[in-house]
Amino acid sequence: MREDNVKIQMRKGILDYCILAILATGEQYAPAIIAELKKAEMIVVEGTLYPILTRMKNAGYLTYRWEESPQGPPRKYYTLTEDGRAYLATLDEAWDKMVEQINIIRGKE
């Protein structure tokens, strides 16, 4: 596999986790989520984000509300549900364990 492909696959694998972590800080709308991901150099476009948000909403991890915008169309604001917070806690544990395992394999622990 080429290096770029590996990085893309790794990014796809943790995108849900990153989105939930962003929403754990408070209610957000899609462009703000994309901006946070871009700040972390996790470049994502709307065409990637919206299906993930829909899938997580259907799984019960997110809810949303509409709010009128002073400029342009209404905005959809996403919030974590209690199930979403519990799922994020599970992902936090899994991430910490995986980092620990990788550090062992790489001889850093």
N, C-alpha and C. Protein backbone atom coordinates (compact mmCIF):
# COMPACT_ATOMS: atom_id res chain seq x y z
N MET A 1 0.83 -1.18 0.00
CA MET A 1 0.00 0.00 0.00
C MET A 1 0.88 1.25 0.00
N ARG A 2 0.45 2.23 -0.69
CA ARG A 2 1.19 3.49 -0.71
C ARG A 2 0.93 4.26 0.59
N GLU A 3 1.88 5.09 0.96
CA GLU A 3 1.80 5.85 2.20
C GLU A 3 0.52 6.68 2.28
N ASP A 4 0.15 7.36 1.18
CA ASP A 4 -1.06 8.18 1.18
C ASP A 4 -2.30 7.35 1.45
N ASN A 5 -2.37 6.17 0.85
CA ASN A 5 -3.53 5.29 1.05
C ASN A 5 -3.63 4.85 2.50
N VAL A 6 -2.49 4.54 3.10
CA VAL A 6 -2.49 4.12 4.50
C VAL A 6 -3.00 5.26 5.39
N LYS A 7 -2.50 6.46 5.15
CA LYS A 7 -2.94 7.61 5.94
C LYS A 7 -4.44 7.86 5.78
N ILE A 8 -4.94 7.74 4.57
CA ILE A 8 -6.37 7.94 4.30
C ILE A 8 -7.19 6.91 5.06
N GLN A 9 -6.77 5.65 5.01
CA GLN A 9 -7.50 4.59 5.71
C GLN A 9 -7.47 4.80 7.22
N MET A 10 -6.33 5.22 7.73
CA MET A 10 -6.24 5.48 9.18
C MET A 10 -7.17 6.63 9.57
N ARG A 11 -7.19 7.67 8.76
CA ARG A 11 -8.05 8.83 9.03
C ARG A 11 -9.52 8.42 9.01
N LYS A 12 -9.90 7.64 8.01
CA LYS A 12 -11.30 7.18 7.92
C LYS A 12 -11.67 6.39 9.16
N GLY A 13 -10.72 5.62 9.66
CA GLY A 13 -10.98 4.76 10.81
C GLY A 13 -11.24 5.52 12.10
N ILE A 14 -10.73 6.75 12.19
CA ILE A 14 -10.91 7.49 13.44
C ILE A 14 -11.80 8.73 13.31
N LEU A 15 -12.37 8.91 12.15
CA LEU A 15 -13.21 10.10 11.94
C LEU A 15 -14.41 10.15 12.87
N ASP A 16 -15.10 9.04 13.05
CA ASP A 16 -16.26 9.02 13.97
C ASP A 16 -15.83 9.48 15.36
N TYR A 17 -14.70 8.94 15.81
CA TYR A 17 -14.18 9.28 17.12
C TYR A 17 -13.89 10.78 17.22
N CYS A 18 -13.25 11.33 16.21
CA CYS A 18 -12.93 12.76 16.20
C CYS A 18 -14.19 13.63 16.22
N ILE A 19 -15.18 13.25 15.45
CA ILE A 19 -16.43 14.01 15.39
C ILE A 19 -17.13 13.97 16.75
N LEU A 20 -17.20 12.80 17.36
CA LEU A 20 -17.82 12.70 18.68
C LEU A 20 -17.05 13.53 19.70
N ALA A 21 -15.72 13.53 19.62
CA ALA A 21 -14.91 14.31 20.55
C ALA A 21 -15.17 15.80 20.37
N ILE A 22 -15.33 16.25 19.15
CA ILE A 22 -15.65 17.66 18.89
C ILE A 22 -17.01 18.00 19.49
N LEU A 23 -17.98 17.13 19.27
CA LEU A 23 -19.33 17.40 19.78
C LEU A 23 -19.41 17.29 21.30
N ALA A 24 -18.45 16.61 21.91
CA ALA A 24 -18.43 16.52 23.38
C ALA A 24 -18.15 17.88 24.02
N THR A 25 -17.58 18.80 23.24
CA THR A 25 -17.29 20.14 23.77
C THR A 25 -18.52 21.04 23.71
N GLY A 26 -19.56 20.60 23.00
CA GLY A 26 -20.79 21.39 22.91
C GLY A 26 -21.42 21.28 21.54
N GLU A 27 -22.59 21.83 21.45
CA GLU A 27 -23.39 21.81 20.23
C GLU A 27 -22.62 22.48 19.08
N GLN A 28 -22.67 21.87 17.89
CA GLN A 28 -21.96 22.40 16.73
C GLN A 28 -22.80 22.20 15.47
N TYR A 29 -22.56 23.03 14.47
CA TYR A 29 -23.15 22.77 13.16
C TYR A 29 -22.04 22.32 12.22
N ALA A 30 -22.41 21.70 11.11
CA ALA A 30 -21.45 21.00 10.26
C ALA A 30 -20.24 21.84 9.85
N PRO A 31 -20.41 23.08 9.38
CA PRO A 31 -19.23 23.85 9.01
C PRO A 31 -18.25 24.07 10.17
N ALA A 32 -18.76 24.18 11.39
CA ALA A 32 -17.88 24.34 12.55
C ALA A 32 -17.13 23.04 12.84
N ILE A 33 -17.79 21.90 12.65
CA ILE A 33 -17.13 20.61 12.82
C ILE A 33 -16.01 20.47 11.80
N ILE A 34 -16.30 20.82 10.56
CA ILE A 34 -15.28 20.75 9.50
C ILE A 34 -14.11 21.67 9.84
N ALA A 35 -14.39 22.86 10.36
CA ALA A 35 -13.33 23.80 10.72
C ALA A 35 -12.43 23.22 11.82
N GLU A 36 -13.05 22.57 12.80
CA GLU A 36 -12.26 21.94 13.88
C GLU A 36 -11.38 20.82 13.32
N LEU A 37 -11.94 20.02 12.44
CA LEU A 37 -11.15 18.94 11.83
C LEU A 37 -10.00 19.51 11.01
N LYS A 38 -10.26 20.59 10.28
CA LYS A 38 -9.21 21.21 9.47
C LYS A 38 -8.11 21.80 10.35
N LYS A 39 -8.49 22.37 11.51
CA LYS A 39 -7.48 22.90 12.44
C LYS A 39 -6.50 21.80 12.86
N ALA A 40 -7.02 20.59 12.97
CA ALA A 40 -6.20 19.44 13.37
C ALA A 40 -5.58 18.75 12.15
N GLU A 41 -5.71 19.38 10.99
CA GLU A 41 -5.20 18.85 9.73
C GLU A 41 -5.84 17.51 9.34
N MET A 42 -7.10 17.35 9.76
CA MET A 42 -7.91 16.20 9.36
C MET A 42 -8.91 16.73 8.33
N ILE A 43 -8.44 16.93 7.12
CA ILE A 43 -9.25 17.56 6.09
C ILE A 43 -10.44 16.66 5.73
N VAL A 44 -11.63 17.23 5.86
CA VAL A 44 -12.87 16.52 5.56
C VAL A 44 -13.78 17.48 4.81
N VAL A 45 -14.48 16.99 3.82
CA VAL A 45 -15.43 17.81 3.08
C VAL A 45 -16.85 17.46 3.53
N GLU A 46 -17.78 18.34 3.21
CA GLU A 46 -19.17 18.11 3.62
C GLU A 46 -19.70 16.78 3.12
N GLY A 47 -19.30 16.39 1.91
CA GLY A 47 -19.77 15.13 1.34
C GLY A 47 -19.34 13.91 2.14
N THR A 48 -18.29 14.06 2.94
CA THR A 48 -17.84 12.99 3.84
C THR A 48 -18.52 13.11 5.19
N LEU A 49 -18.66 14.34 5.67
CA LEU A 49 -19.18 14.56 7.02
C LEU A 49 -20.66 14.22 7.17
N TYR A 50 -21.50 14.68 6.25
CA TYR A 50 -22.94 14.49 6.42
C TYR A 50 -23.37 13.03 6.51
N PRO A 51 -22.85 12.12 5.70
CA PRO A 51 -23.23 10.71 5.88
C PRO A 51 -22.83 10.16 7.26
N ILE A 52 -21.68 10.60 7.78
CA ILE A 52 -21.25 10.15 9.10
C ILE A 52 -22.21 10.69 10.16
N LEU A 53 -22.56 11.96 10.07
CA LEU A 53 -23.50 12.55 11.03
C LEU A 53 -24.85 11.83 10.97
N THR A 54 -25.32 11.54 9.77
CA THR A 54 -26.60 10.84 9.62
C THR A 54 -26.52 9.44 10.22
N ARG A 55 -25.44 8.74 9.95
CA ARG A 55 -25.27 7.38 10.49
C ARG A 55 -25.24 7.41 12.02
N MET A 56 -24.52 8.38 12.59
CA MET A 56 -24.44 8.47 14.05
C MET A 56 -25.77 8.90 14.66
N LYS A 57 -26.52 9.75 13.95
CA LYS A 57 -27.84 10.13 14.43
C LYS A 57 -28.77 8.91 14.43
N ASN A 58 -28.73 8.14 13.34
CA ASN A 58 -29.56 6.94 13.25
C ASN A 58 -29.19 5.90 14.30
N ALA A 59 -27.93 5.89 14.71
CA ALA A 59 -27.48 4.96 15.76
C ALA A 59 -27.87 5.45 17.15
N GLY A 60 -28.35 6.68 17.24
CA GLY A 60 -28.78 7.22 18.53
C GLY A 60 -27.69 7.97 19.27
N TYR A 61 -26.56 8.24 18.63
CA TYR A 61 -25.45 8.93 19.29
C TYR A 61 -25.56 10.45 19.23
N LEU A 62 -26.34 10.95 18.27
CA LEU A 62 -26.50 12.38 18.09
C LEU A 62 -27.96 12.75 17.98
N THR A 63 -28.24 13.98 18.28
CA THR A 63 -29.53 14.57 17.99
C THR A 63 -29.23 15.94 17.36
N TYR A 64 -30.23 16.54 16.78
CA TYR A 64 -30.00 17.86 16.20
C TYR A 64 -31.24 18.73 16.35
N ARG A 65 -31.01 20.01 16.16
CA ARG A 65 -32.11 20.97 16.16
C ARG A 65 -31.81 22.00 15.07
N TRP A 66 -32.87 22.57 14.53
CA TRP A 66 -32.74 23.61 13.51
C TRP A 66 -32.77 24.96 14.18
N GLU A 67 -31.97 25.88 13.67
CA GLU A 67 -32.00 27.25 14.16
C GLU A 67 -31.93 28.20 12.97
N GLU A 68 -32.78 29.19 13.00
CA GLU A 68 -32.74 30.20 11.93
C GLU A 68 -31.41 30.91 11.97
N SER A 69 -30.90 31.22 10.80
CA SER A 69 -29.63 31.92 10.68
C SER A 69 -29.89 33.36 10.24
N PRO A 70 -29.17 34.32 10.81
CA PRO A 70 -29.35 35.70 10.36
C PRO A 70 -28.88 35.89 8.92
N GLN A 71 -28.03 34.98 8.47
CA GLN A 71 -27.53 35.04 7.09
C GLN A 71 -27.70 33.66 6.47
N GLY A 72 -28.51 33.56 5.46
CA GLY A 72 -28.66 32.30 4.75
C GLY A 72 -29.71 31.38 5.35
N PRO A 73 -29.65 30.11 4.95
CA PRO A 73 -30.66 29.13 5.38
C PRO A 73 -30.51 28.75 6.85
N PRO A 74 -31.52 28.09 7.41
CA PRO A 74 -31.43 27.63 8.80
C PRO A 74 -30.25 26.66 8.96
N ARG A 75 -29.73 26.60 10.17
CA ARG A 75 -28.60 25.74 10.48
C ARG A 75 -29.06 24.56 11.33
N LYS A 76 -28.46 23.41 11.07
CA LYS A 76 -28.73 22.21 11.85
C LYS A 76 -27.60 22.06 12.87
N TYR A 77 -27.94 22.14 14.16
CA TYR A 77 -26.95 22.02 15.23
C TYR A 77 -27.02 20.62 15.83
N TYR A 78 -25.87 19.97 15.92
CA TYR A 78 -25.77 18.60 16.42
C TYR A 78 -25.30 18.59 17.87
N THR A 79 -25.83 17.65 18.63
CA THR A 79 -25.49 17.47 20.04
C THR A 79 -25.36 15.98 20.33
N LEU A 80 -24.44 15.63 21.21
CA LEU A 80 -24.33 14.23 21.65
C LEU A 80 -25.52 13.86 22.53
N THR A 81 -26.00 12.65 22.38
CA THR A 81 -27.01 12.11 23.29
C THR A 81 -26.27 11.41 24.43
N GLU A 82 -27.00 10.93 25.41
CA GLU A 82 -26.37 10.16 26.49
C GLU A 82 -25.70 8.91 25.91
N ASP A 83 -26.37 8.26 24.94
CA ASP A 83 -25.75 7.09 24.28
C ASP A 83 -24.47 7.50 23.55
N GLY A 84 -24.47 8.69 22.96
CA GLY A 84 -23.29 9.19 22.27
C GLY A 84 -22.14 9.43 23.24
N ARG A 85 -22.46 9.97 24.41
CA ARG A 85 -21.42 10.19 25.43
C ARG A 85 -20.86 8.86 25.93
N ALA A 86 -21.73 7.89 26.11
CA ALA A 86 -21.27 6.57 26.55
C ALA A 86 -20.40 5.91 25.47
N TYR A 87 -20.81 6.05 24.22
CA TYR A 87 -20.04 5.50 23.11
C TYR A 87 -18.67 6.17 23.02
N LEU A 88 -18.64 7.49 23.20
CA LEU A 88 -17.38 8.23 23.18
C LEU A 88 -16.47 7.74 24.30
N ALA A 89 -17.01 7.50 25.48
CA ALA A 89 -16.21 6.99 26.60
C ALA A 89 -15.61 5.62 26.25
N THR A 90 -16.40 4.79 25.57
CA THR A 90 -15.90 3.48 25.12
C THR A 90 -14.78 3.66 24.11
N LEU A 91 -14.95 4.60 23.18
CA LEU A 91 -13.91 4.86 22.19
C LEU A 91 -12.66 5.44 22.84
N ASP A 92 -12.82 6.29 23.86
CA ASP A 92 -11.67 6.82 24.59
C ASP A 92 -10.84 5.69 25.19
N GLU A 93 -11.53 4.75 25.83
CA GLU A 93 -10.85 3.59 26.43
C GLU A 93 -10.14 2.76 25.37
N ALA A 94 -10.83 2.52 24.26
CA ALA A 94 -10.24 1.72 23.18
C ALA A 94 -9.03 2.43 22.58
N TRP A 95 -9.12 3.75 22.42
CA TRP A 95 -7.99 4.52 21.86
C TRP A 95 -6.78 4.43 22.80
N ASP A 96 -7.01 4.67 24.10
CA ASP A 96 -5.92 4.61 25.07
C ASP A 96 -5.25 3.24 25.06
N LYS A 97 -6.05 2.19 25.00
CA LYS A 97 -5.52 0.83 24.97
C LYS A 97 -4.71 0.60 23.69
N MET A 98 -5.22 1.07 22.56
CA MET A 98 -4.53 0.88 21.29
C MET A 98 -3.19 1.62 21.28
N VAL A 99 -3.16 2.84 21.79
CA VAL A 99 -1.91 3.59 21.85
C VAL A 99 -0.91 2.85 22.74
N GLU A 100 -1.39 2.32 23.85
CA GLU A 100 -0.54 1.54 24.75
C GLU A 100 0.03 0.32 24.02
N GLN A 101 -0.81 -0.38 23.29
CA GLN A 101 -0.37 -1.57 22.56
C GLN A 101 0.66 -1.22 21.49
N ILE A 102 0.42 -0.14 20.77
CA ILE A 102 1.36 0.28 19.73
C ILE A 102 2.69 0.69 20.35
N ASN A 103 2.63 1.39 21.47
CA ASN A 103 3.87 1.77 22.14
C ASN A 103 4.67 0.55 22.59
N ILE A 104 3.99 -0.48 23.05
CA ILE A 104 4.67 -1.72 23.43
C ILE A 104 5.32 -2.34 22.21
N ILE A 105 4.58 -2.44 21.13
CA ILE A 105 5.11 -3.03 19.91
C ILE A 105 6.32 -2.24 19.40
N ARG A 106 6.26 -0.94 19.49
CA ARG A 106 7.35 -0.09 19.00
C ARG A 106 8.47 0.06 20.01
N GLY A 107 8.34 -0.61 21.16
CA GLY A 107 9.41 -0.57 22.17
C GLY A 107 9.50 0.72 22.94
N LYS A 108 8.39 1.43 23.03
CA LYS A 108 8.38 2.71 23.74
C LYS A 108 7.83 2.58 25.15
N GLU A 109 7.51 1.37 25.58
CA GLU A 109 7.03 1.16 26.94
C GLU A 109 7.69 -0.04 27.53
